[in-house]
Amino acid sequence: MVTTSGFSHAPVSRFLIITTIGSSIITSILDIKHQLPIRPTPHLWPYLQLSRILTFQLAYTSSTDLFFSTALLYQFRVLERLWGSRKYASFVAVIFAVNVLLLPFLTVFLKGLTFGLWNYLPAGLTAVVFAALSLWSDEVPRLYRYKILTGKIPLATATEQNDSTTAAGGGGGGGNTRTAAQQQSQTDPPGITLSDKSTTYLLAAQLALCQFPYQLIPALVGWTLGSAWIGELLPGGLSRWRVPAWVVGESPKSKERGQYEGLRRRLEEEGSSADGMRNVSDRVAERQDTARRGFGRQIASYFTGS
C-alpha cells in the first residue's frame, strides 16, 4: 500500500504549523508572551485591552503546549487530504472566528460563576486542535487494535479442555455456548485493548491537561464546535461557508476540474505503483506459461498470435 508522507496535498496544515511555531518563537524572542493570555481582570476591565481577544489564539506561551498542538495538527493533515484544502481552510477559519468571541465570553461567565476564582484563558490554538480532533475521530477509521498485557497468560491444560468438552457434550446446546464463553474468558489474557488512534488521544489528553485546569475549557469548547460544524448545527449556515478559492491557490480553471483534483492525483500516484506491480506479475505469469509450452507450440503461436 502506497502512502503519502509529509505535507503533500496539505498546504493548509503546513501553513498552520509553520505559523504557530513561528509566532510562538517570535513572541518568546521579543518577550511579549505575557500579552497573549487573557485575564478578564484586569485585561478586559479596567484596562480595556480588547486587542487580546483577536490575538490570544495566534501563539502559545508554553513549549509543551506548542509541541503537543503541532504534533496533533500534523496528524490531522489527513482531514485536508480527505476534504480538500478549501473545505479544511474554511473549517479552521470558522472555528477560529467563533472562538474569538466565545472563549473570552465563557471565561468572563466562569469568573462570575466562581466568584473570581476562574480568571485566566490560555493562549493558543487549542480549541481549533480539539475541533479537528472531534472530526478526525469520526472521519478517519481505525486500522488495527493491539493489547497491552497486564497479567500472566493463563495456560489451559489438555485435561481441562477434555473435561470441559465432556461436560459440554452432556449439557446440550446451551451448555456448549456457556462452556465456549467460559473457555474464551479463561484463555483470553488480561490486558488493555488499544488501537492505532490511541496515541493521538493520548497527545490530546496531555494538551488538555497542560496549564490545568484552564486548558480544559478551550478543549471542551473546541470538541463541541467540531461536532456542531460537522452536524451543520452552527448558526447562520457557517458549516456551509467556504473561503474564496484563491485563498488556497485554486484558479477558476482548476475549480472547473473539480474539488477532488488533489485526491485524484494521489489515487493516480498510488494506482501507478499498483499497476507497475501488476504488470510485473503479469510478465512473470506470461514467462511461466511460455516455459510450460513446448518449442513447437511457441513457433505456432508466433505466427497465429495466440
C-alpha atoms as a PDB file:
ATOM      1  CA  MET A   1       0.000   0.000   0.000  1.00  0.00           C
ATOM      2  CA  VAL A   2       1.439   3.366  -1.052  1.00  0.00           C
ATOM      3  CA  THR A   3       1.050   6.206   1.440  1.00  0.00           C
ATOM      4  CA  THR A   4       1.619   9.942   1.052  1.00  0.00           C
ATOM      5  CA  SER A   5       4.086  11.335   3.565  1.00  0.00           C
ATOM      6  CA  GLY A   6       4.931  14.821   4.746  1.00  0.00           C
ATOM      7  CA  PHE A   7       2.793  17.783   3.727  1.00  0.00           C
ATOM      8  CA  SER A   8       1.933  16.530   0.233  1.00  0.00           C
ATOM      9  CA  HIS A   9      -1.516  17.851  -0.760  1.00  0.00           C
ATOM     10  CA  ALA A  10      -1.818  19.555   2.670  1.00  0.00           C
ATOM     11  CA  PRO A  11      -0.810  23.243   2.263  1.00  0.00           C
ATOM     12  CA  VAL A  12      -3.225  24.491   4.922  1.00  0.00           C
ATOM     13  CA  SER A  13      -1.810  22.135   7.545  1.00  0.00           C
ATOM     14  CA  ARG A  14       1.714  23.230   6.628  1.00  0.00           C
ATOM     15  CA  PHE A  15       0.712  26.896   6.943  1.00  0.00           C
ATOM     16  CA  LEU A  16      -0.920  26.327  10.341  1.00  0.00           C
ATOM     17  CA  ILE A  17       2.073  24.510  11.798  1.00  0.00           C
ATOM     18  CA  ILE A  18       4.691  26.927  10.438  1.00  0.00           C
ATOM     19  CA  THR A  19       2.668  29.967  11.531  1.00  0.00           C
ATOM     20  CA  THR A  20       2.051  28.605  15.028  1.00  0.00           C
ATOM     21  CA  ILE A  21       5.703  27.690  15.569  1.00  0.00           C
ATOM     22  CA  GLY A  22       6.999  30.932  14.048  1.00  0.00           C
ATOM     23  CA  SER A  23       4.678  33.212  16.009  1.00  0.00           C
ATOM     24  CA  SER A  24       5.448  31.391  19.263  1.00  0.00           C
ATOM     25  CA  ILE A  25       9.190  31.779  18.690  1.00  0.00           C
ATOM     26  CA  ILE A  26       8.847  35.449  17.776  1.00  0.00           C
ATOM     27  CA  THR A  27       6.789  36.267  20.866  1.00  0.00           C
ATOM     28  CA  SER A  28       9.359  34.471  23.011  1.00  0.00           C
ATOM     29  CA  ILE A  29      12.287  36.334  21.442  1.00  0.00           C
ATOM     30  CA  LEU A  30      10.554  39.710  21.774  1.00  0.00           C
ATOM     31  CA  ASP A  31       9.486  38.851  25.339  1.00  0.00           C
ATOM     32  CA  ILE A  32       5.829  39.657  24.709  1.00  0.00           C
ATOM     33  CA  LYS A  33       4.334  36.307  25.698  1.00  0.00           C
ATOM     34  CA  HIS A  34       2.654  37.939  28.669  1.00  0.00           C
ATOM     35  CA  GLN A  35       0.472  39.930  26.246  1.00  0.00           C
ATOM     36  CA  LEU A  36      -1.210  36.848  24.758  1.00  0.00           C
ATOM     37  CA  PRO A  37      -3.286  35.207  27.538  1.00  0.00           C
ATOM     38  CA  ILE A  38      -6.455  36.863  28.767  1.00  0.00           C
ATOM     39  CA  ARG A  39      -7.285  37.660  32.371  1.00  0.00           C
ATOM     40  CA  PRO A  40     -10.729  39.285  32.465  1.00  0.00           C
ATOM     41  CA  THR A  41      -9.494  41.283  35.421  1.00  0.00           C
ATOM     42  CA  PRO A  42      -7.542  43.479  34.761  1.00  0.00           C
ATOM     43  CA  HIS A  43      -7.018  42.967  30.986  1.00  0.00           C
ATOM     44  CA  LEU A  44     -10.614  43.397  29.846  1.00  0.00           C
ATOM     45  CA  TRP A  45     -11.654  45.504  32.796  1.00  0.00           C
ATOM     46  CA  PRO A  46     -10.488  48.117  33.762  1.00  0.00           C
ATOM     47  CA  TYR A  47      -7.610  48.249  31.214  1.00  0.00           C
ATOM     48  CA  LEU A  48      -9.876  47.561  28.189  1.00  0.00           C
ATOM     49  CA  GLN A  49      -7.200  45.606  26.314  1.00  0.00           C
ATOM     50  CA  LEU A  50      -9.707  44.273  23.792  1.00  0.00           C
ATOM     51  CA  SER A  51      -6.983  43.521  21.248  1.00  0.00           C
ATOM     52  CA  ARG A  52      -6.152  40.394  23.266  1.00  0.00           C
ATOM     53  CA  ILE A  53      -9.434  38.893  22.068  1.00  0.00           C
ATOM     54  CA  LEU A  54      -8.080  38.932  18.498  1.00  0.00           C
ATOM     55  CA  THR A  55      -4.521  37.797  19.282  1.00  0.00           C
ATOM     56  CA  PHE A  56      -4.749  35.180  22.046  1.00  0.00           C
ATOM     57  CA  GLN A  57      -5.031  32.305  19.517  1.00  0.00           C
ATOM     58  CA  LEU A  58      -2.022  33.308  17.431  1.00  0.00           C
ATOM     59  CA  ALA A  59       0.759  31.752  19.539  1.00  0.00           C
ATOM     60  CA  TYR A  60       1.489  29.555  22.536  1.00  0.00           C
ATOM     61  CA  THR A  61       3.249  30.709  25.665  1.00  0.00           C
ATOM     62  CA  SER A  62       4.442  27.224  26.648  1.00  0.00           C
ATOM     63  CA  SER A  63       6.769  24.997  24.639  1.00  0.00           C
ATOM     64  CA  THR A  64       4.901  21.928  25.915  1.00  0.00           C
ATOM     65  CA  ASP A  65       1.591  23.199  24.565  1.00  0.00           C
ATOM     66  CA  LEU A  66       3.282  24.087  21.282  1.00  0.00           C
ATOM     67  CA  PHE A  67       4.766  20.605  20.884  1.00  0.00           C
ATOM     68  CA  PHE A  68       1.517  18.723  21.506  1.00  0.00           C
ATOM     69  CA  SER A  69      -0.504  21.105  19.352  1.00  0.00           C
ATOM     70  CA  THR A  70       1.787  20.901  16.318  1.00  0.00           C
ATOM     71  CA  ALA A  71       2.039  17.114  16.635  1.00  0.00           C
ATOM     72  CA  LEU A  72      -1.750  16.866  16.542  1.00  0.00           C
ATOM     73  CA  LEU A  73      -2.101  19.327  13.661  1.00  0.00           C
ATOM     74  CA  TYR A  74       0.371  17.249  11.686  1.00  0.00           C
ATOM     75  CA  GLN A  75      -1.686  14.148  12.434  1.00  0.00           C
ATOM     76  CA  PHE A  76      -4.892  15.867  11.264  1.00  0.00           C
ATOM     77  CA  ARG A  77      -3.486  16.710   7.814  1.00  0.00           C
ATOM     78  CA  VAL A  78      -5.327  13.584   6.660  1.00  0.00           C
ATOM     79  CA  LEU A  79      -8.557  15.583   7.013  1.00  0.00           C
ATOM     80  CA  GLU A  80      -7.294  18.104   4.484  1.00  0.00           C
ATOM     81  CA  ARG A  81      -6.453  15.330   2.038  1.00  0.00           C
ATOM     82  CA  LEU A  82      -9.877  13.800   2.604  1.00  0.00           C
ATOM     83  CA  TRP A  83     -11.896  17.014   2.234  1.00  0.00           C
ATOM     84  CA  GLY A  84      -9.681  19.199   0.114  1.00  0.00           C
ATOM     85  CA  SER A  85      -7.725  22.309   1.117  1.00  0.00           C
ATOM     86  CA  ARG A  86     -10.609  24.721   0.634  1.00  0.00           C
ATOM     87  CA  LYS A  87     -13.031  22.917   2.916  1.00  0.00           C
ATOM     88  CA  TYR A  88     -10.372  22.358   5.577  1.00  0.00           C
ATOM     89  CA  ALA A  89      -9.318  26.020   5.470  1.00  0.00           C
ATOM     90  CA  SER A  90     -12.977  27.037   5.799  1.00  0.00           C
ATOM     91  CA  PHE A  91     -13.345  24.804   8.847  1.00  0.00           C
ATOM     92  CA  VAL A  92     -10.262  26.304  10.532  1.00  0.00           C
ATOM     93  CA  ALA A  93     -11.380  29.864   9.741  1.00  0.00           C
ATOM     94  CA  VAL A  94     -14.888  29.304  11.129  1.00  0.00           C
ATOM     95  CA  ILE A  95     -13.689  27.702  14.368  1.00  0.00           C
ATOM     96  CA  PHE A  96     -11.061  30.417  14.846  1.00  0.00           C
ATOM     97  CA  ALA A  97     -13.604  33.202  14.291  1.00  0.00           C
ATOM     98  CA  VAL A  98     -16.211  31.683  16.607  1.00  0.00           C
ATOM     99  CA  ASN A  99     -13.659  31.274  19.396  1.00  0.00           C
ATOM    100  CA  VAL A 100     -12.679  34.946  19.157  1.00  0.00           C
ATOM    101  CA  LEU A 101     -15.882  35.827  20.981  1.00  0.00           C
ATOM    102  CA  LEU A 102     -16.986  32.555  22.546  1.00  0.00           C
ATOM    103  CA  LEU A 103     -13.935  31.704  24.668  1.00  0.00           C
ATOM    104  CA  PRO A 104     -13.477  35.181  26.242  1.00  0.00           C
ATOM    105  CA  PHE A 105     -17.212  35.405  26.946  1.00  0.00           C
ATOM    106  CA  LEU A 106     -17.197  31.960  28.539  1.00  0.00           C
ATOM    107  CA  THR A 107     -14.166  32.892  30.662  1.00  0.00           C
ATOM    108  CA  VAL A 108     -15.923  36.019  31.918  1.00  0.00           C
ATOM    109  CA  PHE A 109     -19.012  33.939  32.689  1.00  0.00           C
ATOM    110  CA  LEU A 110     -16.973  31.385  34.665  1.00  0.00           C
ATOM    111  CA  LYS A 111     -15.248  34.199  36.532  1.00  0.00           C
ATOM    112  CA  GLY A 112     -18.594  35.467  37.761  1.00  0.00           C
ATOM    113  CA  LEU A 113     -19.844  31.936  38.454  1.00  0.00           C
ATOM    114  CA  THR A 114     -16.789  31.062  40.580  1.00  0.00           C
ATOM    115  CA  PHE A 115     -16.679  34.462  42.307  1.00  0.00           C
ATOM    116  CA  GLY A 116     -13.387  35.447  40.673  1.00  0.00           C
ATOM    117  CA  LEU A 117     -11.501  32.140  41.053  1.00  0.00           C
ATOM    118  CA  TRP A 118     -11.541  31.349  37.294  1.00  0.00           C
ATOM    119  CA  ASN A 119      -9.751  34.354  35.848  1.00  0.00           C
ATOM    120  CA  TYR A 120      -7.463  33.037  33.091  1.00  0.00           C
ATOM    121  CA  LEU A 121      -7.715  31.998  29.424  1.00  0.00           C
ATOM    122  CA  PRO A 122      -4.573  30.336  27.973  1.00  0.00           C
ATOM    123  CA  ALA A 123      -3.243  31.396  24.601  1.00  0.00           C
ATOM    124  CA  GLY A 124      -3.013  29.140  21.569  1.00  0.00           C
ATOM    125  CA  LEU A 125      -4.993  27.147  19.006  1.00  0.00           C
ATOM    126  CA  THR A 126      -6.165  24.527  21.488  1.00  0.00           C
ATOM    127  CA  ALA A 127      -9.831  24.961  20.583  1.00  0.00           C
ATOM    128  CA  VAL A 128      -9.089  24.560  16.861  1.00  0.00           C
ATOM    129  CA  VAL A 129      -6.993  21.461  17.558  1.00  0.00           C
ATOM    130  CA  PHE A 130      -9.761  19.778  19.549  1.00  0.00           C
ATOM    131  CA  ALA A 131     -12.365  20.714  16.937  1.00  0.00           C
ATOM    132  CA  ALA A 132     -10.210  18.922  14.363  1.00  0.00           C
ATOM    133  CA  LEU A 133      -9.815  16.010  16.796  1.00  0.00           C
ATOM    134  CA  SER A 134     -13.597  15.676  17.004  1.00  0.00           C
ATOM    135  CA  LEU A 135     -13.866  15.412  13.224  1.00  0.00           C
ATOM    136  CA  TRP A 136     -10.812  13.169  12.908  1.00  0.00           C
ATOM    137  CA  SER A 137     -12.298  10.669  15.366  1.00  0.00           C
ATOM    138  CA  ASP A 138     -15.432  10.392  13.190  1.00  0.00           C
ATOM    139  CA  GLU A 139     -13.955  10.615   9.690  1.00  0.00           C
ATOM    140  CA  VAL A 140     -10.808   8.501   9.979  1.00  0.00           C
ATOM    141  CA  PRO A 141     -11.414   4.782  10.598  1.00  0.00           C
ATOM    142  CA  ARG A 142      -9.434   2.598  12.967  1.00  0.00           C
ATOM    143  CA  LEU A 143      -6.886   0.380  11.217  1.00  0.00           C
ATOM    144  CA  TYR A 144      -5.901  -2.140  13.877  1.00  0.00           C
ATOM    145  CA  ARG A 145      -6.077  -2.985  17.570  1.00  0.00           C
ATOM    146  CA  TYR A 146      -3.480  -4.282  19.991  1.00  0.00           C
ATOM    147  CA  LYS A 147      -3.460  -5.352  23.606  1.00  0.00           C
ATOM    148  CA  ILE A 148      -1.055  -4.452  26.406  1.00  0.00           C
ATOM    149  CA  LEU A 149      -0.934  -7.400  28.803  1.00  0.00           C
ATOM    150  CA  THR A 150      -1.325  -6.570  32.485  1.00  0.00           C
ATOM    151  CA  GLY A 151      -1.012 -10.074  33.951  1.00  0.00           C
ATOM    152  CA  LYS A 152       0.106 -13.607  33.334  1.00  0.00           C
ATOM    153  CA  ILE A 153      -1.240 -15.536  30.366  1.00  0.00           C
ATOM    154  CA  PRO A 154      -3.499 -18.382  31.594  1.00  0.00           C
ATOM    155  CA  LEU A 155      -2.490 -21.782  30.241  1.00  0.00           C
ATOM    156  CA  ALA A 156      -5.286 -24.343  29.787  1.00  0.00           C
ATOM    157  CA  THR A 157      -4.093 -27.958  30.116  1.00  0.00           C
ATOM    158  CA  ALA A 158      -5.296 -30.751  27.874  1.00  0.00           C
ATOM    159  CA  THR A 159      -7.077 -32.374  30.820  1.00  0.00           C
ATOM    160  CA  GLU A 160      -9.142 -29.249  31.498  1.00  0.00           C
ATOM    161  CA  GLN A 161     -10.067 -28.981  27.854  1.00  0.00           C
ATOM    162  CA  ASN A 162     -11.172 -32.635  27.728  1.00  0.00           C
ATOM    163  CA  ASP A 163     -13.238 -32.228  30.894  1.00  0.00           C
ATOM    164  CA  SER A 164     -14.931 -29.115  29.540  1.00  0.00           C
ATOM    165  CA  THR A 165     -15.661 -30.894  26.241  1.00  0.00           C
ATOM    166  CA  THR A 166     -17.213 -33.860  28.072  1.00  0.00           C
ATOM    167  CA  ALA A 167     -19.343 -31.575  30.237  1.00  0.00           C
ATOM    168  CA  ALA A 168     -20.450 -29.649  27.165  1.00  0.00           C
ATOM    169  CA  GLY A 169     -21.474 -32.872  25.377  1.00  0.00           C
ATOM    170  CA  GLY A 170     -23.751 -33.908  28.218  1.00  0.00           C
ATOM    171  CA  GLY A 171     -25.278 -30.454  28.698  1.00  0.00           C
ATOM    172  CA  GLY A 172     -26.786 -29.827  25.261  1.00  0.00           C
ATOM    173  CA  GLY A 173     -26.544 -26.784  23.008  1.00  0.00           C
ATOM    174  CA  GLY A 174     -26.841 -24.198  25.795  1.00  0.00           C
ATOM    175  CA  GLY A 175     -24.025 -25.897  27.662  1.00  0.00           C
ATOM    176  CA  ASN A 176     -21.830 -25.701  24.563  1.00  0.00           C
ATOM    177  CA  THR A 177     -22.384 -21.952  24.324  1.00  0.00           C
ATOM    178  CA  ARG A 178     -21.697 -21.339  28.014  1.00  0.00           C
ATOM    179  CA  THR A 179     -18.657 -23.583  28.011  1.00  0.00           C
ATOM    180  CA  ALA A 180     -17.220 -21.872  24.929  1.00  0.00           C
ATOM    181  CA  ALA A 181     -17.742 -18.466  26.524  1.00  0.00           C
ATOM    182  CA  GLN A 182     -16.181 -19.587  29.786  1.00  0.00           C
ATOM    183  CA  GLN A 183     -13.276 -21.163  27.944  1.00  0.00           C
ATOM    184  CA  GLN A 184     -12.745 -17.977  25.943  1.00  0.00           C
ATOM    185  CA  SER A 185     -12.757 -15.860  29.119  1.00  0.00           C
ATOM    186  CA  GLN A 186     -10.302 -18.224  30.750  1.00  0.00           C
ATOM    187  CA  THR A 187      -7.853 -18.325  27.846  1.00  0.00           C
ATOM    188  CA  ASP A 188      -8.096 -14.603  26.989  1.00  0.00           C
ATOM    189  CA  PRO A 189      -5.131 -12.912  28.712  1.00  0.00           C
ATOM    190  CA  PRO A 190      -5.889  -9.865  30.879  1.00  0.00           C
ATOM    191  CA  GLY A 191      -4.851  -6.559  29.413  1.00  0.00           C
ATOM    192  CA  ILE A 192      -5.817  -3.195  27.955  1.00  0.00           C
ATOM    193  CA  THR A 193      -7.032  -3.157  24.354  1.00  0.00           C
ATOM    194  CA  LEU A 194      -5.897  -0.128  22.350  1.00  0.00           C
ATOM    195  CA  SER A 195      -5.912   0.909  18.699  1.00  0.00           C
ATOM    196  CA  ASP A 196      -3.697   2.847  16.320  1.00  0.00           C
ATOM    197  CA  LYS A 197      -5.648   6.012  17.250  1.00  0.00           C
ATOM    198  CA  SER A 198      -4.888   5.718  20.979  1.00  0.00           C
ATOM    199  CA  THR A 199      -1.595   7.596  20.761  1.00  0.00           C
ATOM    200  CA  THR A 200      -3.369  10.576  19.183  1.00  0.00           C
ATOM    201  CA  TYR A 201      -5.913  10.642  22.000  1.00  0.00           C
ATOM    202  CA  LEU A 202      -3.054  10.449  24.495  1.00  0.00           C
ATOM    203  CA  LEU A 203      -1.409  13.533  22.980  1.00  0.00           C
ATOM    204  CA  ALA A 204      -4.750  15.350  23.066  1.00  0.00           C
ATOM    205  CA  ALA A 205      -5.252  14.443  26.733  1.00  0.00           C
ATOM    206  CA  GLN A 206      -1.805  15.791  27.586  1.00  0.00           C
ATOM    207  CA  LEU A 207      -2.582  19.030  25.746  1.00  0.00           C
ATOM    208  CA  ALA A 208      -5.896  19.400  27.592  1.00  0.00           C
ATOM    209  CA  LEU A 209      -4.198  18.856  30.965  1.00  0.00           C
ATOM    210  CA  CYS A 210      -1.491  21.448  30.341  1.00  0.00           C
ATOM    211  CA  GLN A 211      -2.000  24.580  32.478  1.00  0.00           C
ATOM    212  CA  PHE A 212      -4.618  22.632  34.413  1.00  0.00           C
ATOM    213  CA  PRO A 213      -7.499  23.356  34.778  1.00  0.00           C
ATOM    214  CA  TYR A 214      -7.705  26.371  32.469  1.00  0.00           C
ATOM    215  CA  GLN A 215      -6.886  24.463  29.266  1.00  0.00           C
ATOM    216  CA  LEU A 216      -9.923  22.224  29.752  1.00  0.00           C
ATOM    217  CA  ILE A 217     -12.348  24.951  28.660  1.00  0.00           C
ATOM    218  CA  PRO A 218     -10.775  25.521  25.197  1.00  0.00           C
ATOM    219  CA  ALA A 219     -10.575  21.747  24.751  1.00  0.00           C
ATOM    220  CA  LEU A 220     -14.252  21.168  25.574  1.00  0.00           C
ATOM    221  CA  VAL A 221     -15.390  24.149  23.522  1.00  0.00           C
ATOM    222  CA  GLY A 222     -13.307  23.025  20.541  1.00  0.00           C
ATOM    223  CA  TRP A 223     -14.686  19.472  20.660  1.00  0.00           C
ATOM    224  CA  THR A 224     -18.251  20.835  20.850  1.00  0.00           C
ATOM    225  CA  LEU A 225     -17.722  23.239  17.952  1.00  0.00           C
ATOM    226  CA  GLY A 226     -16.221  20.489  15.818  1.00  0.00           C
ATOM    227  CA  SER A 227     -19.238  18.253  16.415  1.00  0.00           C
ATOM    228  CA  ALA A 228     -21.581  21.165  15.677  1.00  0.00           C
ATOM    229  CA  TRP A 229     -19.714  22.012  12.468  1.00  0.00           C
ATOM    230  CA  ILE A 230     -19.879  18.506  11.033  1.00  0.00           C
ATOM    231  CA  GLY A 231     -23.559  18.275  12.031  1.00  0.00           C
ATOM    232  CA  GLU A 232     -24.309  21.695  10.460  1.00  0.00           C
ATOM    233  CA  LEU A 233     -25.632  22.985  13.784  1.00  0.00           C
ATOM    234  CA  LEU A 234     -23.729  26.281  13.778  1.00  0.00           C
ATOM    235  CA  PRO A 235     -25.933  29.359  13.298  1.00  0.00           C
ATOM    236  CA  GLY A 236     -26.027  31.295  10.060  1.00  0.00           C
ATOM    237  CA  GLY A 237     -25.021  28.365   7.874  1.00  0.00           C
ATOM    238  CA  LEU A 238     -21.378  28.670   8.947  1.00  0.00           C
ATOM    239  CA  SER A 239     -20.828  24.975   8.280  1.00  0.00           C
ATOM    240  CA  ARG A 240     -21.586  25.514   4.583  1.00  0.00           C
ATOM    241  CA  TRP A 241     -19.483  28.646   4.208  1.00  0.00           C
ATOM    242  CA  ARG A 242     -16.275  28.336   2.169  1.00  0.00           C
ATOM    243  CA  VAL A 243     -13.273  30.613   1.825  1.00  0.00           C
ATOM    244  CA  PRO A 244     -12.605  32.071  -1.638  1.00  0.00           C
ATOM    245  CA  ALA A 245     -10.821  29.691  -3.983  1.00  0.00           C
ATOM    246  CA  TRP A 246      -7.808  31.991  -4.398  1.00  0.00           C
ATOM    247  CA  VAL A 247      -7.031  31.692  -0.677  1.00  0.00           C
ATOM    248  CA  VAL A 248      -5.864  28.097  -1.149  1.00  0.00           C
ATOM    249  CA  GLY A 249      -4.371  28.750  -4.593  1.00  0.00           C
ATOM    250  CA  GLU A 250      -7.241  27.408  -6.674  1.00  0.00           C
ATOM    251  CA  SER A 251      -7.700  29.140 -10.033  1.00  0.00           C
ATOM    252  CA  PRO A 252     -11.007  29.156 -11.944  1.00  0.00           C
ATOM    253  CA  LYS A 253      -9.547  26.608 -14.355  1.00  0.00           C
ATOM    254  CA  SER A 254      -8.627  24.217 -11.557  1.00  0.00           C
ATOM    255  CA  LYS A 255     -12.009  24.833  -9.946  1.00  0.00           C
ATOM    256  CA  GLU A 256     -13.702  23.643 -13.129  1.00  0.00           C
ATOM    257  CA  ARG A 257     -11.738  20.416 -12.952  1.00  0.00           C
ATOM    258  CA  GLY A 258     -13.362  19.734  -9.605  1.00  0.00           C
ATOM    259  CA  GLN A 259     -12.569  19.980  -5.912  1.00  0.00           C
ATOM    260  CA  TYR A 260     -11.177  16.452  -5.822  1.00  0.00           C
ATOM    261  CA  GLU A 261      -8.213  17.175  -8.095  1.00  0.00           C
ATOM    262  CA  GLY A 262      -5.684  16.592  -5.321  1.00  0.00           C
ATOM    263  CA  LEU A 263      -7.334  13.331  -4.353  1.00  0.00           C
ATOM    264  CA  ARG A 264      -7.380  12.227  -7.989  1.00  0.00           C
ATOM    265  CA  ARG A 265      -3.630  12.876  -8.296  1.00  0.00           C
ATOM    266  CA  ARG A 266      -2.961  10.847  -5.174  1.00  0.00           C
ATOM    267  CA  LEU A 267      -5.039   7.962  -6.477  1.00  0.00           C
ATOM    268  CA  GLU A 268      -3.196   8.106  -9.793  1.00  0.00           C
ATOM    269  CA  GLU A 269       0.164   8.022  -7.988  1.00  0.00           C
ATOM    270  CA  GLU A 270      -0.894   5.064  -5.901  1.00  0.00           C
ATOM    271  CA  GLY A 271      -2.528   3.396  -8.895  1.00  0.00           C
ATOM    272  CA  SER A 272       0.616   3.766 -10.986  1.00  0.00           C
ATOM    273  CA  SER A 273       2.604   1.916  -8.358  1.00  0.00           C
ATOM    274  CA  ALA A 274      -0.072  -0.776  -8.145  1.00  0.00           C
ATOM    275  CA  ASP A 275      -0.201  -1.041 -11.957  1.00  0.00           C
ATOM    276  CA  GLY A 276       3.570  -1.394 -12.056  1.00  0.00           C
ATOM    277  CA  MET A 277       3.455  -4.275  -9.611  1.00  0.00           C
ATOM    278  CA  ARG A 278       0.547  -5.810 -11.551  1.00  0.00           C
ATOM    279  CA  ASN A 279       2.464  -5.545 -14.851  1.00  0.00           C
ATOM    280  CA  VAL A 280       5.467  -7.239 -13.281  1.00  0.00           C
ATOM    281  CA  SER A 281       3.284 -10.099 -12.029  1.00  0.00           C
ATOM    282  CA  ASP A 282       1.636 -10.401 -15.465  1.00  0.00           C
ATOM    283  CA  ARG A 283       5.008 -10.599 -17.183  1.00  0.00           C
ATOM    284  CA  VAL A 284       6.174 -13.258 -14.746  1.00  0.00           C
ATOM    285  CA  ALA A 285       2.991 -15.268 -15.385  1.00  0.00           C
ATOM    286  CA  GLU A 286       3.487 -14.976 -19.149  1.00  0.00           C
ATOM    287  CA  ARG A 287       7.055 -16.204 -18.890  1.00  0.00           C
ATOM    288  CA  GLN A 288       5.966 -19.134 -16.760  1.00  0.00           C
ATOM    289  CA  ASP A 289       3.232 -20.002 -19.270  1.00  0.00           C
ATOM    290  CA  THR A 290       5.717 -19.738 -22.150  1.00  0.00           C
ATOM    291  CA  ALA A 291       8.168 -22.003 -20.355  1.00  0.00           C
ATOM    292  CA  ARG A 292       5.448 -24.633 -19.851  1.00  0.00           C
ATOM    293  CA  ARG A 293       4.583 -24.706 -23.581  1.00  0.00           C
ATOM    294  CA  GLY A 294       6.651 -26.800 -25.956  1.00  0.00           C
ATOM    295  CA  PHE A 295       9.014 -25.457 -28.622  1.00  0.00           C
ATOM    296  CA  GLY A 296       6.659 -26.371 -31.456  1.00  0.00           C
ATOM    297  CA  ARG A 297       3.693 -24.598 -29.815  1.00  0.00           C
ATOM    298  CA  GLN A 298       5.811 -21.486 -29.279  1.00  0.00           C
ATOM    299  CA  ILE A 299       6.635 -21.329 -33.015  1.00  0.00           C
ATOM    300  CA  ALA A 300       2.967 -21.852 -33.911  1.00  0.00           C
ATOM    301  CA  SER A 301       1.842 -19.140 -31.539  1.00  0.00           C
ATOM    302  CA  TYR A 302       4.385 -16.740 -33.100  1.00  0.00           C
ATOM    303  CA  PHE A 303       2.563 -16.966 -36.460  1.00  0.00           C
ATOM    304  CA  THR A 304      -1.000 -17.253 -35.128  1.00  0.00           C
ATOM    305  CA  GLY A 305      -0.617 -14.562 -32.443  1.00  0.00           C
ATOM    306  CA  SER A 306      -2.112 -16.742 -29.703  1.00  0.00           C
END
